[in-house]
């Protein structure tokens, strides 16, 4: 599934970004962020500054937690929305059948459709 592949790729990116934040192995030095923004964020000689292993792991845990929690809630919402859509489709089908029976003045069929 595409969603699980996307989750795997984003999880790998979160790990790579957190390791760069902790050890500064050169990914942030690609100059994707303008120099003026980088110097406002931290005040070391060569920003962005390394934050250390504990802060890097903390950042990894927080980012992973937010990402996976968001996925869990979004997935639950989508599942419940599909379930509600199917329920509404069943109600519409029943209403169509009842309207059809009533248009033919077939009250017994309409009553049977309502009770079942």
PDB file of N, CA and C in Angstrom:
ATOM      1  N   UNK A   1       0.825  -1.188   0.000  1.00  0.00           N
ATOM      2  CA  UNK A   1       0.000   0.000   0.000  1.00  0.00           C
ATOM      3  C   UNK A   1       0.866   1.247   0.000  1.00  0.00           C
ATOM      4  N   UNK A   2       0.357   2.254  -0.632  1.00  0.00           N
ATOM      5  CA  UNK A   2       1.101   3.500  -0.762  1.00  0.00           C
ATOM      6  C   UNK A   2       1.243   4.209   0.577  1.00  0.00           C
ATOM      7  N   UNK A   3       0.223   4.135   1.420  1.00  0.00           N
ATOM      8  CA  UNK A   3       0.280   4.821   2.716  1.00  0.00           C
ATOM      9  C   UNK A   3       1.400   4.265   3.588  1.00  0.00           C
ATOM     10  N   UNK A   4       1.551   2.956   3.600  1.00  0.00           N
ATOM     11  CA  UNK A   4       2.590   2.360   4.427  1.00  0.00           C
ATOM     12  C   UNK A   4       3.986   2.651   3.869  1.00  0.00           C
ATOM     13  N   UNK A   5       4.116   2.726   2.553  1.00  0.00           N
ATOM     14  CA  UNK A   5       5.401   3.114   1.968  1.00  0.00           C
ATOM     15  C   UNK A   5       5.742   4.550   2.325  1.00  0.00           C
ATOM     16  N   UNK A   6       4.741   5.415   2.293  1.00  0.00           N
ATOM     17  CA  UNK A   6       4.960   6.813   2.666  1.00  0.00           C
ATOM     18  C   UNK A   6       5.344   6.931   4.135  1.00  0.00           C
ATOM     19  N   UNK A   7       4.692   6.163   4.990  1.00  0.00           N
ATOM     20  CA  UNK A   7       5.034   6.170   6.415  1.00  0.00           C
ATOM     21  C   UNK A   7       6.463   5.702   6.622  1.00  0.00           C
ATOM     22  N   UNK A   8       6.857   4.674   5.917  1.00  0.00           N
ATOM     23  CA  UNK A   8       8.228   4.172   6.047  1.00  0.00           C
ATOM     24  C   UNK A   8       9.242   5.219   5.589  1.00  0.00           C
ATOM     25  N   UNK A   9       8.969   5.878   4.450  1.00  0.00           N
ATOM     26  CA  UNK A   9       9.902   6.899   3.952  1.00  0.00           C
ATOM     27  C   UNK A   9       9.985   8.083   4.909  1.00  0.00           C
ATOM     28  N   UNK A  10       8.843   8.537   5.429  1.00  0.00           N
ATOM     29  CA  UNK A  10       8.873   9.664   6.355  1.00  0.00           C
ATOM     30  C   UNK A  10       9.537   9.291   7.675  1.00  0.00           C
ATOM     31  N   UNK A  11       9.363   8.050   8.109  1.00  0.00           N
ATOM     32  CA  UNK A  11      10.035   7.603   9.330  1.00  0.00           C
ATOM     33  C   UNK A  11      11.551   7.595   9.147  1.00  0.00           C
ATOM     34  N   UNK A  12      12.000   7.145   7.981  1.00  0.00           N
ATOM     35  CA  UNK A  12      13.438   7.167   7.690  1.00  0.00           C
ATOM     36  C   UNK A  12      13.938   8.614   7.663  1.00  0.00           C
ATOM     37  N   UNK A  13      13.153   9.527   7.048  1.00  0.00           N
ATOM     38  CA  UNK A  13      13.566  10.929   7.004  1.00  0.00           C
ATOM     39  C   UNK A  13      13.635  11.525   8.399  1.00  0.00           C
ATOM     40  N   UNK A  14      12.684  11.197   9.270  1.00  0.00           N
ATOM     41  CA  UNK A  14      12.717  11.700  10.649  1.00  0.00           C
ATOM     42  C   UNK A  14      13.964  11.196  11.354  1.00  0.00           C
ATOM     43  N   UNK A  15      14.330   9.933  11.146  1.00  0.00           N
ATOM     44  CA  UNK A  15      15.552   9.379  11.764  1.00  0.00           C
ATOM     45  C   UNK A  15      16.800  10.077  11.230  1.00  0.00           C
ATOM     46  N   UNK A  16      16.870  10.273   9.921  1.00  0.00           N
ATOM     47  CA  UNK A  16      18.039  10.943   9.332  1.00  0.00           C
ATOM     48  C   UNK A  16      18.144  12.370   9.831  1.00  0.00           C
ATOM     49  N   UNK A  17      17.022  13.083   9.855  1.00  0.00           N
ATOM     50  CA  UNK A  17      17.025  14.472  10.310  1.00  0.00           C
ATOM     51  C   UNK A  17      17.415  14.576  11.782  1.00  0.00           C
ATOM     52  N   UNK A  18      16.924  13.661  12.603  1.00  0.00           N
ATOM     53  CA  UNK A  18      17.273  13.692  14.027  1.00  0.00           C
ATOM     54  C   UNK A  18      18.738  13.355  14.254  1.00  0.00           C
ATOM     55  N   UNK A  19      19.278  12.409  13.462  1.00  0.00           N
ATOM     56  CA  UNK A  19      20.705  12.100  13.618  1.00  0.00           C
ATOM     57  C   UNK A  19      21.562  13.272  13.162  1.00  0.00           C
ATOM     58  N   UNK A  20      21.134  13.988  12.118  1.00  0.00           N
ATOM     59  CA  UNK A  20      21.870  15.187  11.687  1.00  0.00           C
ATOM     60  C   UNK A  20      21.800  16.270  12.750  1.00  0.00           C
ATOM     61  N   UNK A  21      20.651  16.396  13.379  1.00  0.00           N
ATOM     62  CA  UNK A  21      20.497  17.396  14.432  1.00  0.00           C
ATOM     63  C   UNK A  21      21.404  17.075  15.622  1.00  0.00           C
ATOM     64  N   UNK A  22      21.561  15.787  15.923  1.00  0.00           N
ATOM     65  CA  UNK A  22      22.373  15.403  17.070  1.00  0.00           C
ATOM     66  C   UNK A  22      23.867  15.435  16.771  1.00  0.00           C
ATOM     67  N   UNK A  23      24.293  14.972  15.582  1.00  0.00           N
ATOM     68  CA  UNK A  23      25.721  14.795  15.307  1.00  0.00           C
ATOM     69  C   UNK A  23      26.312  15.759  14.300  1.00  0.00           C
ATOM     70  N   UNK A  24      25.450  16.480  13.542  1.00  0.00           N
ATOM     71  CA  UNK A  24      25.924  17.435  12.539  1.00  0.00           C
ATOM     72  C   UNK A  24      26.906  16.789  11.572  1.00  0.00           C
ATOM     73  N   UNK A  25      26.450  15.791  10.816  1.00  0.00           N
ATOM     74  CA  UNK A  25      27.308  15.125   9.845  1.00  0.00           C
ATOM     75  C   UNK A  25      27.260  15.755   8.469  1.00  0.00           C
ATOM     76  N   UNK A  26      26.537  16.884   8.282  1.00  0.00           N
ATOM     77  CA  UNK A  26      26.644  17.655   7.052  1.00  0.00           C
ATOM     78  C   UNK A  26      25.387  17.840   6.226  1.00  0.00           C
ATOM     79  N   UNK A  27      24.289  17.215   6.595  1.00  0.00           N
ATOM     80  CA  UNK A  27      23.078  17.331   5.791  1.00  0.00           C
ATOM     81  C   UNK A  27      22.524  18.750   5.808  1.00  0.00           C
ATOM     82  N   UNK A  28      22.556  19.398   6.961  1.00  0.00           N
ATOM     83  CA  UNK A  28      22.023  20.758   7.058  1.00  0.00           C
ATOM     84  C   UNK A  28      22.934  21.793   6.410  1.00  0.00           C
ATOM     85  N   UNK A  29      24.155  21.417   6.059  1.00  0.00           N
ATOM     86  CA  UNK A  29      25.096  22.358   5.447  1.00  0.00           C
ATOM     87  C   UNK A  29      24.904  22.490   3.947  1.00  0.00           C
ATOM     88  N   UNK A  30      23.851  21.911   3.388  1.00  0.00           N
ATOM     89  CA  UNK A  30      23.605  21.953   1.955  1.00  0.00           C
ATOM     90  C   UNK A  30      23.132  23.335   1.525  1.00  0.00           C
ATOM     91  N   UNK A  31      22.870  24.210   2.481  1.00  0.00           N
ATOM     92  CA  UNK A  31      22.417  25.586   2.255  1.00  0.00           C
ATOM     93  C   UNK A  31      21.004  25.652   1.694  1.00  0.00           C
ATOM     94  N   UNK A  32      20.146  24.785   2.162  1.00  0.00           N
ATOM     95  CA  UNK A  32      18.740  24.875   1.805  1.00  0.00           C
ATOM     96  C   UNK A  32      18.054  25.988   2.602  1.00  0.00           C
ATOM     97  N   UNK A  33      18.618  26.308   3.761  1.00  0.00           N
ATOM     98  CA  UNK A  33      18.082  27.376   4.608  1.00  0.00           C
ATOM     99  C   UNK A  33      18.976  28.598   4.429  1.00  0.00           C
ATOM    100  N   UNK A  34      18.411  29.777   4.163  1.00  0.00           N
ATOM    101  CA  UNK A  34      19.242  30.973   4.011  1.00  0.00           C
ATOM    102  C   UNK A  34      20.078  31.242   5.264  1.00  0.00           C
ATOM    103  N   UNK A  35      21.253  31.827   5.077  1.00  0.00           N
ATOM    104  CA  UNK A  35      22.190  32.043   6.174  1.00  0.00           C
ATOM    105  C   UNK A  35      21.607  32.930   7.262  1.00  0.00           C
ATOM    106  N   UNK A  36      20.838  33.942   6.905  1.00  0.00           N
ATOM    107  CA  UNK A  36      20.295  34.849   7.914  1.00  0.00           C
ATOM    108  C   UNK A  36      19.324  34.123   8.852  1.00  0.00           C
ATOM    109  N   UNK A  37      18.590  33.169   8.346  1.00  0.00           N
ATOM    110  CA  UNK A  37      17.660  32.414   9.185  1.00  0.00           C
ATOM    111  C   UNK A  37      18.437  31.486  10.106  1.00  0.00           C
ATOM    112  N   UNK A  38      19.493  30.879   9.601  1.00  0.00           N
ATOM    113  CA  UNK A  38      20.281  29.953  10.412  1.00  0.00           C
ATOM    114  C   UNK A  38      20.929  30.653  11.586  1.00  0.00           C
ATOM    115  N   UNK A  39      21.414  31.862  11.406  1.00  0.00           N
ATOM    116  CA  UNK A  39      22.102  32.536  12.505  1.00  0.00           C
ATOM    117  C   UNK A  39      21.129  33.033  13.562  1.00  0.00           C
ATOM    118  N   UNK A  40      19.865  33.234  13.216  1.00  0.00           N
ATOM    119  CA  UNK A  40      18.898  33.654  14.223  1.00  0.00           C
ATOM    120  C   UNK A  40      18.454  32.488  15.100  1.00  0.00           C
ATOM    121  N   UNK A  41      18.555  31.278  14.587  1.00  0.00           N
ATOM    122  CA  UNK A  41      18.069  30.119  15.328  1.00  0.00           C
ATOM    123  C   UNK A  41      19.025  29.751  16.454  1.00  0.00           C
ATOM    124  N   UNK A  42      20.313  29.742  16.204  1.00  0.00           N
ATOM    125  CA  UNK A  42      21.266  29.394  17.258  1.00  0.00           C
ATOM    126  C   UNK A  42      22.469  30.330  17.192  1.00  0.00           C
ATOM    127  N   UNK A  43      23.224  30.354  18.260  1.00  0.00           N
ATOM    128  CA  UNK A  43      24.293  31.337  18.368  1.00  0.00           C
ATOM    129  C   UNK A  43      25.680  30.715  18.499  1.00  0.00           C
ATOM    130  N   UNK A  44      25.898  29.564  17.869  1.00  0.00           N
ATOM    131  CA  UNK A  44      27.233  28.978  17.898  1.00  0.00           C
ATOM    132  C   UNK A  44      28.028  29.460  16.675  1.00  0.00           C
ATOM    133  N   UNK A  45      29.283  29.068  16.580  1.00  0.00           N
ATOM    134  CA  UNK A  45      30.147  29.561  15.516  1.00  0.00           C
ATOM    135  C   UNK A  45      29.728  29.069  14.139  1.00  0.00           C
ATOM    136  N   UNK A  46      29.187  27.888  14.041  1.00  0.00           N
ATOM    137  CA  UNK A  46      28.797  27.318  12.756  1.00  0.00           C
ATOM    138  C   UNK A  46      27.372  26.760  12.858  1.00  0.00           C
ATOM    139  N   UNK A  47      26.370  27.618  12.763  1.00  0.00           N
ATOM    140  CA  UNK A  47      25.003  27.138  12.936  1.00  0.00           C
ATOM    141  C   UNK A  47      24.570  26.262  11.767  1.00  0.00           C
ATOM    142  N   UNK A  48      23.628  25.380  11.912  1.00  0.00           N
ATOM    143  CA  UNK A  48      22.934  25.019  13.152  1.00  0.00           C
ATOM    144  C   UNK A  48      23.826  24.176  14.043  1.00  0.00           C
ATOM    145  N   UNK A  49      23.670  24.329  15.322  1.00  0.00           N
ATOM    146  CA  UNK A  49      24.547  23.694  16.307  1.00  0.00           C
ATOM    147  C   UNK A  49      24.108  22.261  16.584  1.00  0.00           C
ATOM    148  N   UNK A  50      25.074  21.418  16.902  1.00  0.00           N
ATOM    149  CA  UNK A  50      24.751  20.055  17.316  1.00  0.00           C
ATOM    150  C   UNK A  50      24.070  20.107  18.679  1.00  0.00           C
ATOM    151  N   UNK A  51      23.087  19.266  18.896  1.00  0.00           N
ATOM    152  CA  UNK A  51      22.343  19.318  20.150  1.00  0.00           C
ATOM    153  C   UNK A  51      22.688  18.165  21.080  1.00  0.00           C
ATOM    154  N   UNK A  52      23.407  17.201  20.623  1.00  0.00           N
ATOM    155  CA  UNK A  52      23.790  16.083  21.469  1.00  0.00           C
ATOM    156  C   UNK A  52      22.851  14.898  21.308  1.00  0.00           C
ATOM    157  N   UNK A  53      23.319  13.766  21.812  1.00  0.00           N
ATOM    158  CA  UNK A  53      22.598  12.507  21.636  1.00  0.00           C
ATOM    159  C   UNK A  53      21.250  12.514  22.343  1.00  0.00           C
ATOM    160  N   UNK A  54      21.197  12.952  23.592  1.00  0.00           N
ATOM    161  CA  UNK A  54      19.957  12.917  24.350  1.00  0.00           C
ATOM    162  C   UNK A  54      18.889  13.811  23.723  1.00  0.00           C
ATOM    163  N   UNK A  55      19.265  15.023  23.335  1.00  0.00           N
ATOM    164  CA  UNK A  55      18.303  15.915  22.684  1.00  0.00           C
ATOM    165  C   UNK A  55      17.910  15.395  21.291  1.00  0.00           C
ATOM    166  N   UNK A  56      18.845  14.776  20.603  1.00  0.00           N
ATOM    167  CA  UNK A  56      18.528  14.192  19.304  1.00  0.00           C
ATOM    168  C   UNK A  56      17.533  13.046  19.426  1.00  0.00           C
ATOM    169  N   UNK A  57      17.748  12.178  20.421  1.00  0.00           N
ATOM    170  CA  UNK A  57      16.799  11.088  20.654  1.00  0.00           C
ATOM    171  C   UNK A  57      15.439  11.616  21.104  1.00  0.00           C
ATOM    172  N   UNK A  58      15.461  12.658  21.910  1.00  0.00           N
ATOM    173  CA  UNK A  58      14.208  13.284  22.336  1.00  0.00           C
ATOM    174  C   UNK A  58      13.456  13.852  21.138  1.00  0.00           C
ATOM    175  N   UNK A  59      14.179  14.518  20.257  1.00  0.00           N
ATOM    176  CA  UNK A  59      13.568  15.070  19.047  1.00  0.00           C
ATOM    177  C   UNK A  59      13.016  13.958  18.163  1.00  0.00           C
ATOM    178  N   UNK A  60      13.767  12.872  18.033  1.00  0.00           N
ATOM    179  CA  UNK A  60      13.308  11.720  17.254  1.00  0.00           C
ATOM    180  C   UNK A  60      12.041  11.133  17.845  1.00  0.00           C
ATOM    181  N   UNK A  61      12.019  10.965  19.156  1.00  0.00           N
ATOM    182  CA  UNK A  61      10.845  10.398  19.809  1.00  0.00           C
ATOM    183  C   UNK A  61       9.617  11.278  19.660  1.00  0.00           C
ATOM    184  N   UNK A  62       9.800  12.583  19.837  1.00  0.00           N
ATOM    185  CA  UNK A  62       8.665  13.508  19.715  1.00  0.00           C
ATOM    186  C   UNK A  62       8.124  13.540  18.291  1.00  0.00           C
ATOM    187  N   UNK A  63       9.011  13.642  17.323  1.00  0.00           N
ATOM    188  CA  UNK A  63       8.569  13.705  15.926  1.00  0.00           C
ATOM    189  C   UNK A  63       7.883  12.404  15.515  1.00  0.00           C
ATOM    190  N   UNK A  64       8.443  11.270  15.922  1.00  0.00           N
ATOM    191  CA  UNK A  64       7.837   9.978  15.588  1.00  0.00           C
ATOM    192  C   UNK A  64       6.490   9.825  16.269  1.00  0.00           C
ATOM    193  N   UNK A  65       6.402  10.241  17.527  1.00  0.00           N
ATOM    194  CA  UNK A  65       5.145  10.141  18.266  1.00  0.00           C
ATOM    195  C   UNK A  65       4.054  10.980  17.601  1.00  0.00           C
ATOM    196  N   UNK A  66       4.362  12.211  17.256  1.00  0.00           N
ATOM    197  CA  UNK A  66       3.369  13.082  16.621  1.00  0.00           C
ATOM    198  C   UNK A  66       2.970  12.525  15.257  1.00  0.00           C
ATOM    199  N   UNK A  67       3.931  12.084  14.483  1.00  0.00           N
ATOM    200  CA  UNK A  67       3.653  11.558  13.146  1.00  0.00           C
ATOM    201  C   UNK A  67       2.776  10.311  13.215  1.00  0.00           C
ATOM    202  N   UNK A  68       3.142   9.353  14.064  1.00  0.00           N
ATOM    203  CA  UNK A  68       2.386   8.107  14.145  1.00  0.00           C
ATOM    204  C   UNK A  68       1.016   8.312  14.803  1.00  0.00           C
ATOM    205  N   UNK A  69       0.937   9.212  15.783  1.00  0.00           N
ATOM    206  CA  UNK A  69      -0.351   9.510  16.399  1.00  0.00           C
ATOM    207  C   UNK A  69      -1.284  10.172  15.391  1.00  0.00           C
ATOM    208  N   UNK A  70      -0.746  11.075  14.586  1.00  0.00           N
ATOM    209  CA  UNK A  70      -1.546  11.704  13.538  1.00  0.00           C
ATOM    210  C   UNK A  70      -2.044  10.657  12.541  1.00  0.00           C
ATOM    211  N   UNK A  71      -1.178   9.733  12.157  1.00  0.00           N
ATOM    212  CA  UNK A  71      -1.588   8.672  11.243  1.00  0.00           C
ATOM    213  C   UNK A  71      -2.692   7.816  11.854  1.00  0.00           C
ATOM    214  N   UNK A  72      -2.550   7.485  13.136  1.00  0.00           N
ATOM    215  CA  UNK A  72      -3.542   6.650  13.809  1.00  0.00           C
ATOM    216  C   UNK A  72      -4.904   7.345  13.829  1.00  0.00           C
ATOM    217  N   UNK A  73      -4.934   8.618  14.206  1.00  0.00           N
ATOM    218  CA  UNK A  73      -6.208   9.337  14.270  1.00  0.00           C
ATOM    219  C   UNK A  73      -6.804   9.545  12.883  1.00  0.00           C
ATOM    220  N   UNK A  74      -5.970   9.858  11.904  1.00  0.00           N
ATOM    221  CA  UNK A  74      -6.466  10.068  10.548  1.00  0.00           C
ATOM    222  C   UNK A  74      -7.017   8.769   9.980  1.00  0.00           C
ATOM    223  N   UNK A  75      -6.334   7.673  10.237  1.00  0.00           N
ATOM    224  CA  UNK A  75      -6.804   6.375   9.769  1.00  0.00           C
ATOM    225  C   UNK A  75      -8.128   6.005  10.425  1.00  0.00           C
ATOM    226  N   UNK A  76      -8.253   6.253  11.718  1.00  0.00           N
ATOM    227  CA  UNK A  76      -9.507   5.982  12.416  1.00  0.00           C
ATOM    228  C   UNK A  76     -10.644   6.835  11.882  1.00  0.00           C
ATOM    229  N   UNK A  77     -10.347   8.104  11.615  1.00  0.00           N
ATOM    230  CA  UNK A  77     -11.366   8.991  11.053  1.00  0.00           C
ATOM    231  C   UNK A  77     -11.808   8.497   9.680  1.00  0.00           C
ATOM    232  N   UNK A  78     -10.874   8.108   8.835  1.00  0.00           N
ATOM    233  CA  UNK A  78     -11.206   7.630   7.488  1.00  0.00           C
ATOM    234  C   UNK A  78     -12.025   6.335   7.557  1.00  0.00           C
ATOM    235  N   UNK A  79     -11.660   5.439   8.462  1.00  0.00           N
ATOM    236  CA  UNK A  79     -12.406   4.188   8.610  1.00  0.00           C
ATOM    237  C   UNK A  79     -13.843   4.471   9.034  1.00  0.00           C
ATOM    238  N   UNK A  80     -14.009   5.339  10.046  1.00  0.00           N
ATOM    239  CA  UNK A  80     -15.357   5.662  10.518  1.00  0.00           C
ATOM    240  C   UNK A  80     -16.157   6.406   9.456  1.00  0.00           C
ATOM    241  N   UNK A  81     -15.484   7.226   8.661  1.00  0.00           N
ATOM    242  CA  UNK A  81     -16.172   7.938   7.589  1.00  0.00           C
ATOM    243  C   UNK A  81     -16.669   6.963   6.526  1.00  0.00           C
ATOM    244  N   UNK A  82     -15.856   5.978   6.168  1.00  0.00           N
ATOM    245  CA  UNK A  82     -16.298   4.959   5.203  1.00  0.00           C
ATOM    246  C   UNK A  82     -17.467   4.149   5.754  1.00  0.00           C
ATOM    247  N   UNK A  83     -17.403   3.823   7.038  1.00  0.00           N
ATOM    248  CA  UNK A  83     -18.483   3.080   7.682  1.00  0.00           C
ATOM    249  C   UNK A  83     -19.786   3.900   7.671  1.00  0.00           C
ATOM    250  N   UNK A  84     -19.683   5.182   7.979  1.00  0.00           N
ATOM    251  CA  UNK A  84     -20.854   6.066   7.963  1.00  0.00           C
ATOM    252  C   UNK A  84     -21.407   6.224   6.548  1.00  0.00           C
ATOM    253  N   UNK A  85     -20.523   6.301   5.570  1.00  0.00           N
ATOM    254  CA  UNK A  85     -20.958   6.411   4.176  1.00  0.00           C
ATOM    255  C   UNK A  85     -21.737   5.169   3.760  1.00  0.00           C
ATOM    256  N   UNK A  86     -21.256   3.996   4.139  1.00  0.00           N
ATOM    257  CA  UNK A  86     -21.963   2.758   3.812  1.00  0.00           C
ATOM    258  C   UNK A  86     -23.324   2.719   4.499  1.00  0.00           C
ATOM    259  N   UNK A  87     -23.370   3.158   5.751  1.00  0.00           N
ATOM    260  CA  UNK A  87     -24.639   3.202   6.474  1.00  0.00           C
ATOM    261  C   UNK A  87     -25.628   4.144   5.793  1.00  0.00           C
ATOM    262  N   UNK A  88     -25.161   5.305   5.376  1.00  0.00           N
ATOM    263  CA  UNK A  88     -26.036   6.253   4.683  1.00  0.00           C
ATOM    264  C   UNK A  88     -26.488   5.692   3.338  1.00  0.00           C
ATOM    265  N   UNK A  89     -25.631   4.970   2.658  1.00  0.00           N
ATOM    266  CA  UNK A  89     -26.007   4.355   1.386  1.00  0.00           C
ATOM    267  C   UNK A  89     -27.114   3.333   1.599  1.00  0.00           C
ATOM    268  N   UNK A  90     -27.028   2.575   2.696  1.00  0.00           N
ATOM    269  CA  UNK A  90     -28.090   1.611   3.008  1.00  0.00           C
ATOM    270  C   UNK A  90     -29.410   2.317   3.299  1.00  0.00           C
ATOM    271  N   UNK A  91     -29.355   3.441   4.016  1.00  0.00           N
ATOM    272  CA  UNK A  91     -30.571   4.207   4.317  1.00  0.00           C
ATOM    273  C   UNK A  91     -31.177   4.757   3.033  1.00  0.00           C
ATOM    274  N   UNK A  92     -30.350   5.255   2.149  1.00  0.00           N
ATOM    275  CA  UNK A  92     -30.845   5.802   0.880  1.00  0.00           C
ATOM    276  C   UNK A  92     -31.493   4.705   0.036  1.00  0.00           C
ATOM    277  N   UNK A  93     -30.873   3.543   0.001  1.00  0.00           N
ATOM    278  CA  UNK A  93     -31.443   2.428  -0.756  1.00  0.00           C
ATOM    279  C   UNK A  93     -32.797   2.025  -0.189  1.00  0.00           C
ATOM    280  N   UNK A  94     -32.896   1.954   1.132  1.00  0.00           N
ATOM    281  CA  UNK A  94     -34.174   1.606   1.764  1.00  0.00           C
ATOM    282  C   UNK A  94     -35.226   2.675   1.478  1.00  0.00           C
ATOM    283  N   UNK A  95     -34.839   3.945   1.542  1.00  0.00           N
ATOM    284  CA  UNK A  95     -35.780   5.032   1.258  1.00  0.00           C
ATOM    285  C   UNK A  95     -36.248   4.980  -0.189  1.00  0.00           C
ATOM    286  N   UNK A  96     -35.355   4.646  -1.096  1.00  0.00           N
ATOM    287  CA  UNK A  96     -35.754   4.511  -2.500  1.00  0.00           C
ATOM    288  C   UNK A  96     -36.782   3.391  -2.663  1.00  0.00           C
ATOM    289  N   UNK A  97     -36.542   2.268  -1.995  1.00  0.00           N
ATOM    290  CA  UNK A  97     -37.467   1.148  -2.115  1.00  0.00           C
ATOM    291  C   UNK A  97     -38.834   1.497  -1.511  1.00  0.00           C
ATOM    292  N   UNK A  98     -38.826   2.162  -0.369  1.00  0.00           N
ATOM    293  CA  UNK A  98     -40.083   2.561   0.271  1.00  0.00           C
ATOM    294  C   UNK A  98     -40.840   3.541  -0.624  1.00  0.00           C
ATOM    295  N   UNK A  99     -40.141   4.506  -1.210  1.00  0.00           N
ATOM    296  CA  UNK A  99     -40.786   5.465  -2.113  1.00  0.00           C
ATOM    297  C   UNK A  99     -41.353   4.754  -3.337  1.00  0.00           C
ATOM    298  N   UNK A 100     -40.618   3.779  -3.839  1.00  0.00           N
ATOM    299  CA  UNK A 100     -41.095   3.008  -4.991  1.00  0.00           C
ATOM    300  C   UNK A 100     -42.377   2.244  -4.633  1.00  0.00           C
ATOM    301  N   UNK A 101     -42.370   1.602  -3.459  1.00  0.00           N
ATOM    302  CA  UNK A 101     -43.561   0.846  -3.030  1.00  0.00           C
ATOM    303  C   UNK A 101     -44.752   1.778  -2.808  1.00  0.00           C
ATOM    304  N   UNK A 102     -44.504   2.927  -2.206  1.00  0.00           N
ATOM    305  CA  UNK A 102     -45.598   3.867  -1.960  1.00  0.00           C
ATOM    306  C   UNK A 102     -46.137   4.465  -3.263  1.00  0.00           C
ATOM    307  N   UNK A 103     -45.279   4.622  -4.253  1.00  0.00           N
ATOM    308  CA  UNK A 103     -45.757   5.164  -5.532  1.00  0.00           C
ATOM    309  C   UNK A 103     -46.680   4.182  -6.245  1.00  0.00           C
ATOM    310  N   UNK A 104     -46.544   2.894  -5.935  1.00  0.00           N
ATOM    311  CA  UNK A 104     -47.425   1.873  -6.506  1.00  0.00           C
ATOM    312  C   UNK A 104     -48.599   1.554  -5.581  1.00  0.00           C
ATOM    313  N   UNK A 105     -48.706   2.311  -4.468  1.00  0.00           N
ATOM    314  CA  UNK A 105     -49.738   2.092  -3.448  1.00  0.00           C
ATOM    315  C   UNK A 105     -49.664   0.686  -2.854  1.00  0.00           C
ATOM    316  N   UNK A 106     -48.449   0.157  -2.776  1.00  0.00           N
ATOM    317  CA  UNK A 106     -48.221  -1.166  -2.182  1.00  0.00           C
ATOM    318  C   UNK A 106     -47.793  -0.954  -0.735  1.00  0.00           C
ATOM    319  N   UNK A 107     -48.778  -0.795   0.153  1.00  0.00           N
ATOM    320  CA  UNK A 107     -48.498  -0.462   1.536  1.00  0.00           C
ATOM    321  C   UNK A 107     -47.880  -1.624   2.303  1.00  0.00           C
ATOM    322  N   UNK A 108     -48.208  -2.838   1.950  1.00  0.00           N
ATOM    323  CA  UNK A 108     -47.636  -3.983   2.676  1.00  0.00           C
ATOM    324  C   UNK A 108     -46.138  -4.123   2.417  1.00  0.00           C
ATOM    325  N   UNK A 109     -45.715  -3.912   1.174  1.00  0.00           N
ATOM    326  CA  UNK A 109     -44.274  -3.967   0.860  1.00  0.00           C
ATOM    327  C   UNK A 109     -43.531  -2.809   1.517  1.00  0.00           C
ATOM    328  N   UNK A 110     -44.153  -1.625   1.506  1.00  0.00           N
ATOM    329  CA  UNK A 110     -43.531  -0.461   2.149  1.00  0.00           C
ATOM    330  C   UNK A 110     -43.393  -0.677   3.638  1.00  0.00           C
ATOM    331  N   UNK A 111     -44.430  -1.235   4.274  1.00  0.00           N
ATOM    332  CA  UNK A 111     -44.380  -1.512   5.707  1.00  0.00           C
ATOM    333  C   UNK A 111     -43.322  -2.564   6.012  1.00  0.00           C
ATOM    334  N   UNK A 112     -43.222  -3.581   5.155  1.00  0.00           N
ATOM    335  CA  UNK A 112     -42.214  -4.618   5.348  1.00  0.00           C
ATOM    336  C   UNK A 112     -40.803  -4.051   5.216  1.00  0.00           C
ATOM    337  N   UNK A 113     -40.638  -3.111   4.282  1.00  0.00           N
ATOM    338  CA  UNK A 113     -39.309  -2.495   4.121  1.00  0.00           C
ATOM    339  C   UNK A 113     -38.957  -1.636   5.320  1.00  0.00           C
ATOM    340  N   UNK A 114     -39.945  -0.990   5.930  1.00  0.00           N
ATOM    341  CA  UNK A 114     -39.681  -0.144   7.097  1.00  0.00           C
ATOM    342  C   UNK A 114     -39.345  -0.982   8.313  1.00  0.00           C
ATOM    343  N   UNK A 115     -40.031  -2.091   8.494  1.00  0.00           N
ATOM    344  CA  UNK A 115     -39.821  -2.909   9.702  1.00  0.00           C
ATOM    345  C   UNK A 115     -38.547  -3.739   9.641  1.00  0.00           C
ATOM    346  N   UNK A 116     -37.997  -3.967   8.452  1.00  0.00           N
ATOM    347  CA  UNK A 116     -36.773  -4.790   8.368  1.00  0.00           C
ATOM    348  C   UNK A 116     -35.542  -3.950   8.244  1.00  0.00           C
TER     349      UNK A 116
END
